[in-house]
Protein backbone atom coordinates (compact mmCIF):
# COMPACT_ATOMS: atom_id res chain seq x y z
CA MET A 1 -39.58 -1.35 -15.46
CA LYS A 2 -41.98 -4.02 -16.51
CA LEU A 3 -43.54 -3.63 -19.95
CA LYS A 4 -46.34 -5.96 -20.89
CA LEU A 5 -46.40 -6.65 -24.61
CA THR A 6 -49.73 -7.19 -26.31
CA ASP A 7 -48.36 -9.72 -28.82
CA PRO A 8 -48.23 -13.10 -27.01
CA ASN A 9 -45.44 -14.29 -29.34
CA LEU A 10 -43.11 -11.50 -28.22
CA ARG A 11 -41.26 -11.04 -25.00
CA LEU A 12 -38.59 -8.76 -23.61
CA ARG A 13 -35.77 -10.00 -21.44
CA PRO A 14 -32.71 -8.23 -20.05
CA ILE A 15 -29.60 -8.51 -22.20
CA GLN A 16 -26.90 -10.87 -20.99
CA SER A 17 -23.24 -11.19 -21.93
CA ALA A 18 -24.16 -14.26 -24.02
CA ASP A 19 -26.32 -11.97 -26.23
CA MET A 20 -23.46 -9.77 -27.43
CA ASP A 21 -22.84 -11.55 -30.74
CA LYS A 22 -26.54 -11.40 -31.63
CA LEU A 23 -26.74 -7.75 -30.53
CA LEU A 24 -23.76 -7.01 -32.80
CA GLU A 25 -25.62 -8.69 -35.68
CA ILE A 26 -28.73 -6.62 -34.94
CA TYR A 27 -26.68 -3.41 -34.77
CA GLY A 28 -24.84 -4.30 -37.97
CA SER A 29 -28.14 -4.80 -39.78
CA THR A 30 -29.00 -1.16 -39.11
CA ARG A 31 -25.80 -0.03 -40.86
CA GLU A 32 -25.98 -2.24 -43.97
CA LYS A 33 -27.04 0.50 -46.39
CA GLU A 34 -24.32 2.77 -45.04
CA MET A 35 -21.70 0.07 -45.60
CA GLU A 36 -22.86 -0.33 -49.20
CA ARG A 37 -21.70 3.26 -49.77
CA VAL A 38 -18.07 2.34 -49.03
CA PRO A 39 -17.34 -0.26 -51.72
CA HIS A 40 -13.58 0.35 -51.42
CA TRP A 41 -13.61 -1.14 -47.90
CA SER A 42 -13.01 -4.87 -47.65
CA ASP A 43 -15.58 -7.05 -45.90
CA LEU A 44 -13.11 -7.41 -43.02
CA MET A 45 -12.74 -3.62 -42.71
CA LYS A 46 -16.52 -3.23 -42.65
CA LYS A 47 -16.89 -5.98 -40.06
CA GLU A 48 -14.22 -4.44 -37.81
CA PHE A 49 -15.71 -0.97 -38.20
CA ILE A 50 -19.20 -2.19 -37.27
CA ALA A 51 -17.82 -4.12 -34.28
CA SER A 52 -15.94 -1.06 -32.98
CA GLN A 53 -18.98 1.18 -33.48
CA PHE A 54 -21.20 -1.34 -31.69
CA ARG A 55 -18.83 -1.56 -28.72
CA ALA A 56 -18.58 2.24 -28.50
CA GLN A 57 -22.35 2.66 -28.68
CA HIS A 58 -22.97 -0.11 -26.15
CA GLU A 59 -20.49 1.40 -23.67
CA TYR A 60 -21.95 4.88 -24.20
CA TYR A 61 -25.49 3.68 -23.54
CA GLN A 62 -24.44 1.75 -20.43
CA LYS A 63 -22.59 4.79 -19.02
CA ASN A 64 -25.05 7.51 -19.96
CA TYR A 65 -28.41 5.86 -19.38
CA ILE A 66 -28.05 4.72 -15.80
CA GLY A 67 -31.14 2.84 -14.65
CA ALA A 68 -32.33 2.15 -18.19
CA ASP A 69 -33.68 -1.20 -19.31
CA PHE A 70 -31.64 -2.97 -21.98
CA TRP A 71 -33.72 -5.76 -23.47
CA VAL A 72 -33.56 -8.23 -26.30
CA ILE A 73 -36.80 -8.70 -28.20
CA GLU A 74 -37.69 -12.34 -28.66
CA LYS A 75 -40.31 -13.83 -30.94
CA ASN A 76 -41.17 -17.44 -30.21
CA ASN A 77 -37.99 -17.61 -28.07
CA LYS A 78 -35.73 -16.39 -30.89
CA THR A 79 -33.84 -13.10 -30.54
CA ILE A 80 -35.04 -10.74 -33.28
CA GLY A 81 -34.17 -7.29 -31.95
CA ARG A 82 -33.30 -5.00 -29.11
CA LEU A 83 -35.13 -2.35 -27.13
CA TYR A 84 -33.27 0.04 -24.87
CA PHE A 85 -35.64 2.10 -22.78
CA GLN A 86 -35.54 4.55 -19.89
CA GLU A 87 -38.72 5.11 -17.92
CA ASP A 88 -37.50 8.32 -16.27
CA HIS A 89 -35.13 10.16 -18.61
CA GLN A 90 -33.63 13.10 -16.70
CA GLY A 91 -37.01 13.87 -15.16
CA GLN A 92 -38.29 14.70 -18.65
CA GLY A 93 -40.44 11.67 -19.35
CA MET A 94 -39.80 8.33 -20.99
CA ARG A 95 -37.09 7.71 -23.61
CA ILE A 96 -36.71 5.04 -26.24
CA ILE A 97 -32.94 4.94 -26.41
CA ASP A 98 -32.86 2.42 -29.24
CA ILE A 99 -35.10 -0.05 -30.97
CA SER A 100 -33.74 -2.27 -33.72
CA ILE A 101 -35.26 -5.32 -35.38
CA LEU A 102 -33.53 -7.74 -37.73
CA PRO A 103 -34.41 -7.12 -41.42
CA GLU A 104 -36.32 -10.38 -41.86
CA TYR A 105 -38.72 -9.32 -39.08
CA ARG A 106 -39.25 -5.72 -40.19
CA ASN A 107 -42.49 -4.50 -41.78
CA GLN A 108 -44.53 -7.14 -39.96
CA GLY A 109 -46.05 -4.83 -37.35
CA ILE A 110 -43.66 -5.92 -34.60
CA GLY A 111 -42.12 -2.49 -34.06
CA ARG A 112 -45.49 -0.79 -34.32
CA GLY A 113 -46.94 -3.16 -31.72
CA ILE A 114 -44.09 -2.51 -29.30
CA PHE A 115 -44.47 1.24 -29.84
CA GLU A 116 -48.20 1.03 -29.15
CA ASP A 117 -47.46 -0.82 -25.90
CA LEU A 118 -44.92 1.87 -24.94
CA LEU A 119 -47.41 4.62 -25.83
CA GLY A 120 -50.01 2.94 -23.64
CA LYS A 121 -47.53 2.90 -20.74
CA ALA A 122 -46.64 6.57 -21.32
CA ALA A 123 -50.33 7.52 -21.47
CA ALA A 124 -51.10 5.59 -18.26
CA LEU A 125 -48.28 7.45 -16.48
CA ASP A 126 -49.15 10.75 -18.23
CA ARG A 127 -45.57 11.16 -19.42
CA PRO A 128 -44.17 12.20 -22.78
CA LEU A 129 -42.21 9.62 -24.76
CA THR A 130 -39.17 10.64 -26.82
CA ILE A 131 -36.86 9.04 -29.36
CA HIS A 132 -33.95 10.26 -31.49
CA VAL A 133 -34.07 9.24 -35.15
CA GLU A 134 -31.97 10.06 -38.19
CA SER A 135 -33.84 12.12 -40.76
CA PHE A 136 -33.36 9.47 -43.46
CA ASN A 137 -34.49 6.51 -41.31
CA PRO A 138 -37.69 5.00 -42.78
CA ALA A 139 -38.95 4.36 -39.23
CA LYS A 140 -39.42 8.14 -38.87
CA ASN A 141 -42.58 7.77 -40.97
CA LEU A 142 -43.98 5.23 -38.48
CA TYR A 143 -43.20 7.53 -35.57
CA THR A 144 -45.01 10.39 -37.30
CA ARG A 145 -48.05 8.20 -37.99
CA LEU A 146 -48.10 7.23 -34.31
CA GLY A 147 -48.30 10.89 -33.30
CA PHE A 148 -44.67 11.78 -32.60
CA ARG A 149 -43.56 15.25 -33.66
CA THR A 150 -40.07 16.62 -34.15
CA ILE A 151 -39.14 18.96 -31.31
CA SER A 152 -35.46 19.53 -32.13
CA GLU A 153 -32.86 18.76 -34.74
CA THR A 154 -29.08 18.34 -34.52
CA ASN A 155 -26.77 18.82 -37.51
CA GLY A 156 -29.72 18.48 -39.87
CA ILE A 157 -29.60 14.73 -39.33
CA TYR A 158 -30.75 13.77 -35.84
CA HIS A 159 -34.34 14.52 -34.95
CA LEU A 160 -35.62 14.38 -31.40
CA MET A 161 -39.24 13.31 -31.63
CA GLU A 162 -41.80 13.45 -28.85
CA TRP A 163 -45.20 11.91 -28.25
CA LYS A 164 -47.58 13.37 -25.69
CA HIS A 165 -50.84 11.86 -24.55
CA THR A 166 -53.83 14.02 -25.41
CA ILE A 167 -57.28 13.55 -24.00
């Protein structure tokens, strides 16, 4: 799928094998607070744990989201995040599989802008857009402000949120 981003400083490009170290860094940045809660682990243990979790997640996404787009997000030609997206998720609409942005680029409107572009695409195609988010993830507040609503919950932690275009 082709997604045109409104912000001229941002672009999406397919991930390549050369991106794996940066994608690991991006993934690791989403688990930093969690790693702070295990002070008895050495830095090496944390690094190995994050690397194994990243590999497992990456393999799972590649196997289970056939036909999805796996992109790096670049700002001024520098990789700052990732967006994994499926335009036709099991015939149920569009799915944001994952969106992650490095901490130094968060809270600058980048994620919101990408979401607004995705919402525009979903509205143009008259399809719902879904995303899973952990209940404690601060991004859940953004999704709610953008009009997503929780439609299911798993283990009290994982919320499936959906946005539908209304006229």
